[in-house]
Every structure is written in structure tokens, then in C-alpha cells.
N, C-alpha and C. Protein backbone atom coordinates (compact mmCIF):
# COMPACT_ATOMS: atom_id res chain seq x y z
N GLY A 1 -3.01 13.37 -14.62
CA GLY A 1 -2.84 12.57 -15.45
C GLY A 1 -2.88 10.95 -15.79
N SER A 2 -2.94 10.50 -17.04
CA SER A 2 -3.39 9.94 -17.27
C SER A 2 -1.86 8.35 -18.03
N TYR A 3 -2.12 7.07 -17.93
CA TYR A 3 -1.65 6.51 -18.62
C TYR A 3 -2.42 5.59 -19.33
N GLN A 4 -2.53 5.37 -20.93
CA GLN A 4 -3.03 4.48 -21.79
C GLN A 4 -2.44 3.38 -22.53
N ASN A 5 -2.81 2.07 -22.18
CA ASN A 5 -2.02 1.35 -23.37
C ASN A 5 -0.83 1.19 -22.63
N ILE A 6 -1.16 0.64 -21.30
CA ILE A 6 0.19 0.03 -20.76
C ILE A 6 0.37 -1.01 -20.89
N GLY A 7 1.90 -1.07 -21.32
CA GLY A 7 2.78 -1.84 -22.27
C GLY A 7 2.67 -2.35 -23.38
N ASP A 8 1.77 -1.17 -24.54
CA ASP A 8 1.04 -0.76 -26.19
C ASP A 8 1.00 -2.04 -25.95
N MET A 9 0.05 -2.03 -27.43
CA MET A 9 -1.16 -3.19 -28.10
C MET A 9 -0.74 -3.29 -28.86
N ASN A 10 -0.33 -4.59 -29.70
CA ASN A 10 0.34 -5.07 -30.70
C ASN A 10 -1.13 -6.29 -31.47
N PHE A 11 -1.44 -5.83 -32.56
CA PHE A 11 -2.48 -6.72 -33.02
C PHE A 11 -1.73 -7.75 -34.12
N ARG A 12 -1.91 -8.94 -33.66
CA ARG A 12 -0.97 -10.17 -34.18
C ARG A 12 -1.59 -10.17 -35.96
N GLY A 13 -1.12 -10.64 -36.54
CA GLY A 13 -1.69 -11.08 -38.27
C GLY A 13 -2.18 -9.88 -38.17
N SER A 14 -2.01 -8.61 -38.05
CA SER A 14 -3.16 -7.17 -38.63
C SER A 14 -2.51 -6.17 -39.06
N VAL A 15 -3.31 -6.04 -40.22
CA VAL A 15 -1.77 -4.60 -40.92
C VAL A 15 -2.62 -3.31 -39.78
N ALA A 16 -3.23 -3.51 -38.75
CA ALA A 16 -3.11 -2.63 -37.52
C ALA A 16 -1.96 -1.78 -36.75
N ASP A 17 -2.27 -0.91 -36.92
CA ASP A 17 -0.28 0.13 -36.49
C ASP A 17 -0.46 -0.35 -35.34
N THR A 18 1.15 -0.89 -34.36
CA THR A 18 0.84 -0.78 -32.71
C THR A 18 0.93 0.59 -32.13
N GLN A 19 -0.19 0.18 -30.87
CA GLN A 19 -0.90 1.71 -30.20
C GLN A 19 0.34 1.48 -29.00
N PRO A 20 1.33 2.65 -29.02
CA PRO A 20 2.17 2.73 -27.76
C PRO A 20 1.47 3.69 -27.08
N GLY A 21 2.13 2.59 -25.46
CA GLY A 21 1.44 3.55 -24.44
C GLY A 21 1.29 5.09 -24.08
N ASN A 22 -0.02 5.49 -23.65
CA ASN A 22 0.32 7.14 -24.06
C ASN A 22 0.28 8.19 -22.73
N LEU A 23 1.31 8.98 -22.50
CA LEU A 23 1.08 9.72 -20.73
C LEU A 23 0.58 10.75 -21.23
N THR A 24 0.12 11.02 -20.02
CA THR A 24 -0.26 12.78 -20.33
C THR A 24 -0.48 13.29 -18.67
N ALA A 25 -0.70 14.73 -19.62
CA ALA A 25 -1.04 15.61 -18.42
C ALA A 25 -1.53 16.30 -18.73
N GLY A 26 -2.51 17.51 -17.32
CA GLY A 26 -3.31 18.16 -17.80
C GLY A 26 -3.87 19.49 -16.99
N LEU A 27 -4.53 20.03 -16.97
CA LEU A 27 -5.80 20.14 -15.54
C LEU A 27 -7.12 21.16 -16.40
N GLY A 28 -7.57 21.37 -15.86
CA GLY A 28 -8.49 21.98 -16.34
C GLY A 28 -8.75 22.85 -14.92
N MET A 29 -10.05 23.87 -15.42
CA MET A 29 -10.48 24.42 -14.37
C MET A 29 -12.32 24.56 -14.53
N THR A 30 -13.33 24.73 -13.07
CA THR A 30 -13.93 25.17 -13.70
C THR A 30 -15.30 26.08 -12.58
N TRP A 31 -15.76 27.19 -13.77
CA TRP A 31 -16.33 28.16 -12.46
C TRP A 31 -18.01 28.19 -12.49
N GLN A 32 -18.02 28.49 -11.41
CA GLN A 32 -19.14 28.11 -11.02
C GLN A 32 -20.27 29.81 -11.41
N LEU A 33 -20.61 30.06 -12.04
CA LEU A 33 -21.48 31.09 -12.27
C LEU A 33 -23.04 32.06 -11.57
N GLN A 34 -23.82 32.88 -11.85
CA GLN A 34 -25.16 32.89 -12.01
C GLN A 34 -25.69 32.09 -11.90
N GLY A 35 -26.16 31.04 -10.10
CA GLY A 35 -27.15 29.80 -10.57
C GLY A 35 -27.11 28.97 -10.77
N LEU A 36 -26.81 28.53 -12.50
CA LEU A 36 -27.12 27.07 -12.17
C LEU A 36 -25.77 27.37 -14.11
N THR A 37 -25.60 28.12 -14.24
CA THR A 37 -24.50 28.32 -15.60
C THR A 37 -22.60 28.56 -14.91
N SER A 38 -22.20 27.25 -15.45
CA SER A 38 -21.47 26.81 -15.02
C SER A 38 -20.19 27.33 -16.65
N PHE A 39 -18.84 27.36 -16.61
CA PHE A 39 -17.92 27.22 -16.95
C PHE A 39 -16.74 26.54 -17.03
N SER A 40 -16.16 25.62 -18.15
CA SER A 40 -15.22 24.88 -17.62
C SER A 40 -14.09 24.58 -18.13
N LEU A 41 -12.93 24.86 -18.22
CA LEU A 41 -11.70 25.31 -19.36
C LEU A 41 -10.89 24.18 -19.00
N ALA A 42 -9.90 22.70 -20.45
CA ALA A 42 -9.43 22.16 -20.01
C ALA A 42 -8.46 22.35 -20.54
N TYR A 43 -6.88 21.81 -20.17
CA TYR A 43 -5.49 21.36 -21.29
C TYR A 43 -4.83 20.74 -20.64
N ASP A 44 -4.70 19.30 -22.17
CA ASP A 44 -3.89 18.83 -21.40
C ASP A 44 -3.04 18.58 -22.44
N HIS A 45 -1.77 18.13 -22.85
CA HIS A 45 -0.58 17.50 -23.31
C HIS A 45 -0.27 16.27 -23.58
N ALA A 46 -0.41 15.57 -24.63
CA ALA A 46 -0.22 13.51 -24.54
C ALA A 46 0.96 12.94 -25.03
N TYR A 47 1.08 12.00 -24.84
CA TYR A 47 2.06 11.27 -25.74
C TYR A 47 3.57 11.87 -25.76
N LEU A 48 3.16 12.01 -24.20
CA LEU A 48 4.85 12.60 -23.20
C LEU A 48 5.86 12.09 -23.57
N ASN A 49 5.63 10.39 -23.40
CA ASN A 49 6.67 9.06 -23.67
C ASN A 49 7.06 9.02 -24.88
N GLU A 50 6.61 10.22 -25.93
CA GLU A 50 6.97 9.88 -27.71
C GLU A 50 7.76 11.30 -28.14
N SER A 51 8.11 10.91 -29.45
CA SER A 51 8.75 11.79 -29.97
C SER A 51 8.32 11.99 -30.93
N ILE A 52 6.80 13.20 -30.64
CA ILE A 52 5.88 13.27 -31.85
C ILE A 52 5.92 14.51 -32.25
N ASP A 53 5.24 15.44 -33.13
CA ASP A 53 5.30 16.72 -33.42
C ASP A 53 4.32 17.14 -32.61
N TRP A 54 4.71 18.17 -31.66
CA TRP A 54 4.57 18.72 -30.38
C TRP A 54 3.46 19.41 -30.21
N ARG A 55 3.10 19.90 -32.25
CA ARG A 55 1.52 19.77 -32.29
C ARG A 55 0.67 19.31 -32.03
N LYS A 56 0.49 17.48 -32.18
CA LYS A 56 -0.23 16.64 -32.04
C LYS A 56 -0.79 16.32 -31.00
N ARG A 57 -0.32 17.16 -30.31
CA ARG A 57 0.11 16.50 -28.22
C ARG A 57 -1.15 17.35 -27.54
N GLN A 58 -0.58 18.80 -28.57
CA GLN A 58 -1.94 19.25 -27.88
C GLN A 58 -3.60 19.25 -27.88
N HIS A 59 -3.98 20.10 -26.92
CA HIS A 59 -5.67 19.57 -26.51
C HIS A 59 -6.12 20.36 -25.39
N LEU A 60 -7.24 21.60 -26.45
CA LEU A 60 -7.85 22.59 -25.31
C LEU A 60 -9.30 22.55 -25.68
N GLY A 61 -9.48 22.82 -24.51
CA GLY A 61 -11.64 22.84 -24.80
C GLY A 61 -12.09 23.40 -23.36
N PHE A 62 -13.65 23.44 -24.23
CA PHE A 62 -14.01 24.77 -23.07
C PHE A 62 -15.91 23.72 -23.04
N GLU A 63 -16.40 24.54 -22.53
CA GLU A 63 -17.79 23.47 -21.95
C GLU A 63 -18.75 24.44 -21.67
N TRP A 64 -19.93 25.09 -21.85
CA TRP A 64 -20.31 26.62 -21.46
C TRP A 64 -21.72 25.92 -21.03
N THR A 65 -21.74 25.05 -19.81
CA THR A 65 -23.77 24.73 -18.61
C THR A 65 -24.22 25.43 -18.67
N LEU A 66 -25.90 25.72 -19.64
CA LEU A 66 -27.09 26.18 -19.42
C LEU A 66 -27.85 25.57 -18.68
N PRO A 67 -28.80 25.90 -17.84
CA PRO A 67 -29.66 24.66 -17.64
C PRO A 67 -30.09 23.67 -19.25
N GLY A 68 -30.23 22.64 -19.33
CA GLY A 68 -30.81 22.16 -20.18
C GLY A 68 -30.22 22.17 -22.08
N ILE A 69 -29.04 22.54 -21.58
CA ILE A 69 -28.23 22.67 -22.73
C ILE A 69 -26.57 23.19 -22.23
N ALA A 70 -25.51 22.25 -23.49
CA ALA A 70 -24.20 22.50 -22.91
C ALA A 70 -23.49 22.22 -24.25
N VAL A 71 -22.64 23.15 -24.27
CA VAL A 71 -22.02 23.71 -25.63
C VAL A 71 -20.56 23.31 -25.74
N PHE A 72 -20.23 23.25 -26.44
CA PHE A 72 -18.12 23.53 -26.08
C PHE A 72 -17.07 22.96 -27.01
N GLY A 73 -16.64 23.17 -27.41
CA GLY A 73 -15.72 23.61 -28.57
C GLY A 73 -13.92 23.52 -27.98
N GLY A 74 -13.24 23.76 -28.26
CA GLY A 74 -11.59 24.09 -28.73
C GLY A 74 -11.30 22.70 -29.77
N ILE A 75 -9.13 23.11 -29.17
CA ILE A 75 -8.86 22.48 -30.55
C ILE A 75 -8.22 20.63 -29.95
N HIS A 76 -8.18 19.86 -30.71
CA HIS A 76 -7.80 18.24 -30.99
C HIS A 76 -6.24 18.63 -32.29
N GLN A 77 -5.54 18.85 -31.36
CA GLN A 77 -4.76 18.04 -33.27
C GLN A 77 -4.55 19.45 -34.07
N THR A 78 -4.36 20.28 -34.15
CA THR A 78 -4.35 21.67 -33.91
C THR A 78 -6.18 21.89 -35.02
N TYR A 79 -6.86 21.18 -35.15
CA TYR A 79 -7.94 21.24 -35.56
C TYR A 79 -9.01 21.34 -34.96
N LEU A 80 -10.35 22.08 -35.20
CA LEU A 80 -10.62 22.87 -34.21
C LEU A 80 -12.30 21.79 -34.01
N SER A 81 -12.25 21.64 -33.01
CA SER A 81 -13.78 20.52 -32.70
C SER A 81 -14.48 21.94 -32.01
N TYR A 82 -15.90 21.08 -32.08
CA TYR A 82 -17.21 21.25 -31.35
C TYR A 82 -18.39 21.05 -31.90
N GLY A 83 -19.11 21.76 -31.09
CA GLY A 83 -20.42 20.85 -30.37
C GLY A 83 -21.43 20.98 -29.39
N ALA A 84 -22.57 20.35 -29.29
CA ALA A 84 -24.07 21.39 -28.28
C ALA A 84 -24.67 19.61 -27.75
N SER A 85 -24.56 19.83 -26.74
CA SER A 85 -26.10 18.86 -25.90
C SER A 85 -26.79 19.27 -25.34
N PHE A 86 -28.02 19.15 -25.70
CA PHE A 86 -29.99 19.50 -24.65
C PHE A 86 -30.07 18.88 -24.24
N ASP A 87 -30.80 18.84 -23.22
CA ASP A 87 -32.19 17.97 -22.53
C ASP A 87 -33.07 17.88 -23.14
N ALA A 88 -34.17 16.25 -23.25
CA ALA A 88 -35.34 17.08 -24.13
C ALA A 88 -36.36 15.90 -23.26
N TRP A 89 -36.34 16.20 -21.69
CA TRP A 89 -37.69 15.07 -20.94
C TRP A 89 -36.35 14.10 -20.67
N ILE A 90 -36.69 12.77 -21.49
CA ILE A 90 -35.70 12.08 -20.36
C ILE A 90 -34.04 11.01 -21.70
N LEU A 91 -34.68 12.46 -22.48
CA LEU A 91 -33.03 12.20 -23.38
C LEU A 91 -31.96 13.51 -23.72
N ARG A 92 -31.17 13.12 -24.14
CA ARG A 92 -30.43 13.87 -24.39
C ARG A 92 -29.10 13.84 -25.34
N VAL A 93 -29.37 14.43 -25.65
CA VAL A 93 -29.31 14.68 -27.53
C VAL A 93 -27.94 15.15 -27.70
N THR A 94 -27.20 15.23 -28.48
CA THR A 94 -25.57 15.35 -28.54
C THR A 94 -25.20 15.55 -29.82
N ALA A 95 -24.70 16.42 -30.24
CA ALA A 95 -23.74 16.36 -31.25
C ALA A 95 -22.49 16.54 -31.48
N ALA A 96 -21.15 16.70 -31.99
CA ALA A 96 -20.10 16.91 -32.30
C ALA A 96 -19.66 17.24 -33.45
N SER A 97 -18.23 17.48 -33.15
CA SER A 97 -17.19 17.24 -35.12
C SER A 97 -16.41 17.51 -34.74
N TYR A 98 -15.49 16.73 -34.68
CA TYR A 98 -13.92 16.87 -34.08
C TYR A 98 -12.64 16.52 -35.93
N ALA A 99 -11.53 16.61 -35.79
CA ALA A 99 -10.80 16.35 -36.80
C ALA A 99 -9.53 15.77 -36.36
N GLU A 100 -8.83 14.35 -36.54
CA GLU A 100 -7.82 13.93 -36.21
C GLU A 100 -6.79 13.84 -36.48
N GLU A 101 -5.84 14.36 -36.43
CA GLU A 101 -4.44 13.52 -37.35
C GLU A 101 -3.89 12.23 -38.07
N LEU A 102 -4.37 11.82 -39.05
CA LEU A 102 -3.76 10.70 -39.35
C LEU A 102 -1.88 10.69 -39.98
N GLY A 103 -2.36 11.70 -41.27
CA GLY A 103 -0.10 11.35 -41.06
C GLY A 103 0.49 11.58 -39.32
N GLY A 104 1.24 11.35 -39.58
CA GLY A 104 3.09 12.34 -38.96
C GLY A 104 3.32 12.78 -37.97
N GLY A 105 2.71 14.17 -39.06
CA GLY A 105 3.44 15.91 -38.57
C GLY A 105 1.64 16.30 -38.32
N ALA A 106 2.07 17.59 -38.27
CA ALA A 106 0.38 18.38 -38.35
C ALA A 106 0.06 18.96 -39.16
N TYR A 107 -1.95 18.70 -39.81
CA TYR A 107 -1.74 19.31 -41.60
C TYR A 107 -1.43 19.12 -42.58
N GLN A 108 -0.99 17.13 -42.26
CA GLN A 108 -0.69 16.84 -43.12
C GLN A 108 -1.43 15.12 -43.91
N ALA A 109 -2.63 14.53 -42.54
CA ALA A 109 -3.80 14.60 -43.47
C ALA A 109 -5.17 14.05 -42.57
N GLY A 110 -5.96 15.78 -42.32
CA GLY A 110 -6.42 15.87 -41.24
C GLY A 110 -7.64 14.60 -41.43
N ASP A 111 -8.97 13.61 -41.08
CA ASP A 111 -9.95 13.49 -40.58
C ASP A 111 -11.03 13.60 -40.02
N ARG A 112 -11.91 14.62 -40.61
CA ARG A 112 -12.90 15.26 -39.84
C ARG A 112 -14.13 13.82 -39.75
N ARG A 113 -14.81 14.02 -38.23
CA ARG A 113 -15.21 13.29 -37.78
C ARG A 113 -16.50 13.73 -37.52
N TYR A 114 -17.48 13.38 -37.39
CA TYR A 114 -19.36 13.76 -36.99
C TYR A 114 -19.88 12.50 -36.10
N LEU A 115 -20.07 12.92 -35.12
CA LEU A 115 -20.66 11.88 -33.84
C LEU A 115 -22.50 12.91 -33.30
N LEU A 116 -23.09 11.93 -33.66
CA LEU A 116 -25.16 12.29 -33.15
C LEU A 116 -25.35 10.70 -32.27
N ARG A 117 -25.30 11.10 -30.76
CA ARG A 117 -25.37 10.63 -29.49
C ARG A 117 -27.23 10.68 -29.28
N LEU A 118 -27.52 9.96 -28.42
CA LEU A 118 -28.97 9.70 -28.17
C LEU A 118 -29.08 9.78 -27.17
N ALA A 119 -28.84 9.50 -25.57
CA ALA A 119 -29.11 8.98 -24.48
C ALA A 119 -30.14 8.99 -23.58
N MET A 120 -30.65 7.94 -23.39
CA MET A 120 -32.06 8.14 -23.28
C MET A 120 -31.94 8.72 -20.57
N ARG A 121 -32.04 8.99 -20.17
CA ARG A 121 -32.17 9.05 -18.84
C ARG A 121 -33.40 9.09 -18.08
N PHE A 122 -32.67 7.67 -16.61
CA PHE A 122 -33.77 7.65 -15.51
C PHE A 122 -33.74 8.29 -14.57
N VAL A 123 -34.77 9.28 -14.95
CA VAL A 123 -34.62 9.71 -13.32
C VAL A 123 -35.70 9.32 -12.21
N PHE A 124 -34.91 9.34 -11.13
CA PHE A 124 -36.02 8.54 -9.76
C PHE A 124 -36.14 10.02 -8.77
């Protein structure tokens, strides 16, 4: 579990919404499969301290890891999330997509987002 934005975050002189504290509980499991392959599954239930649409609280995800590549996916606030990463010498390239609900309830104003990340790793 975790608690984020302790004490609520307020922005003076801004049109930004107050960011209330977020109490989250979850669990995860990893299975080490033959050799270097593993499979992870995780679930969490967010905003336990607020009364919002229960569908916006749900997060379920998986990651399948092979040597040099990882594939992941799941559900974030009722929307499909997916992506992959691979190692190319000292670079790790990750591409992903997820959607977030901007409305007060599920399926009101979904906003899809895309990510491309390049990370340099130093191996000694």
C-alpha cells in the first residue's frame, strides 16, 4: 500500500484542481519461469479514502520478461494499457500507451497518451 499527496496539494492562484491524498492498497506476484524468463501480475485499488466511481480505482497489469525484451499490458481506470521495452547495447528503449479518465466517472472523457523513452545504462 501507499499514501500519496499527504495533506492534499493545493495550488494558489491557479485553476488547477486540488490533488487530494491517495490511499492505495495492492498486491503483486512474480513467477520465475524456465531460465531467465519471468511473468509478473499486479493489482491495486486506489483512492480508498475518497468516494469516486469504483471503476476509476482499478488497476491490473502484467509484465512478461525475456532476455533483452519485456512486454507489458493491463487495465488502468477501465482503459487498455500496453507497451514493450528492449535493450540495444547500452540503451533501453520503451514504448507505451495508456489512457486516463478525465471525467468524474468511468467512460466520460478518456484521454489516450503515448510514451517513448530512451534510457542509457552503464554496465561496469
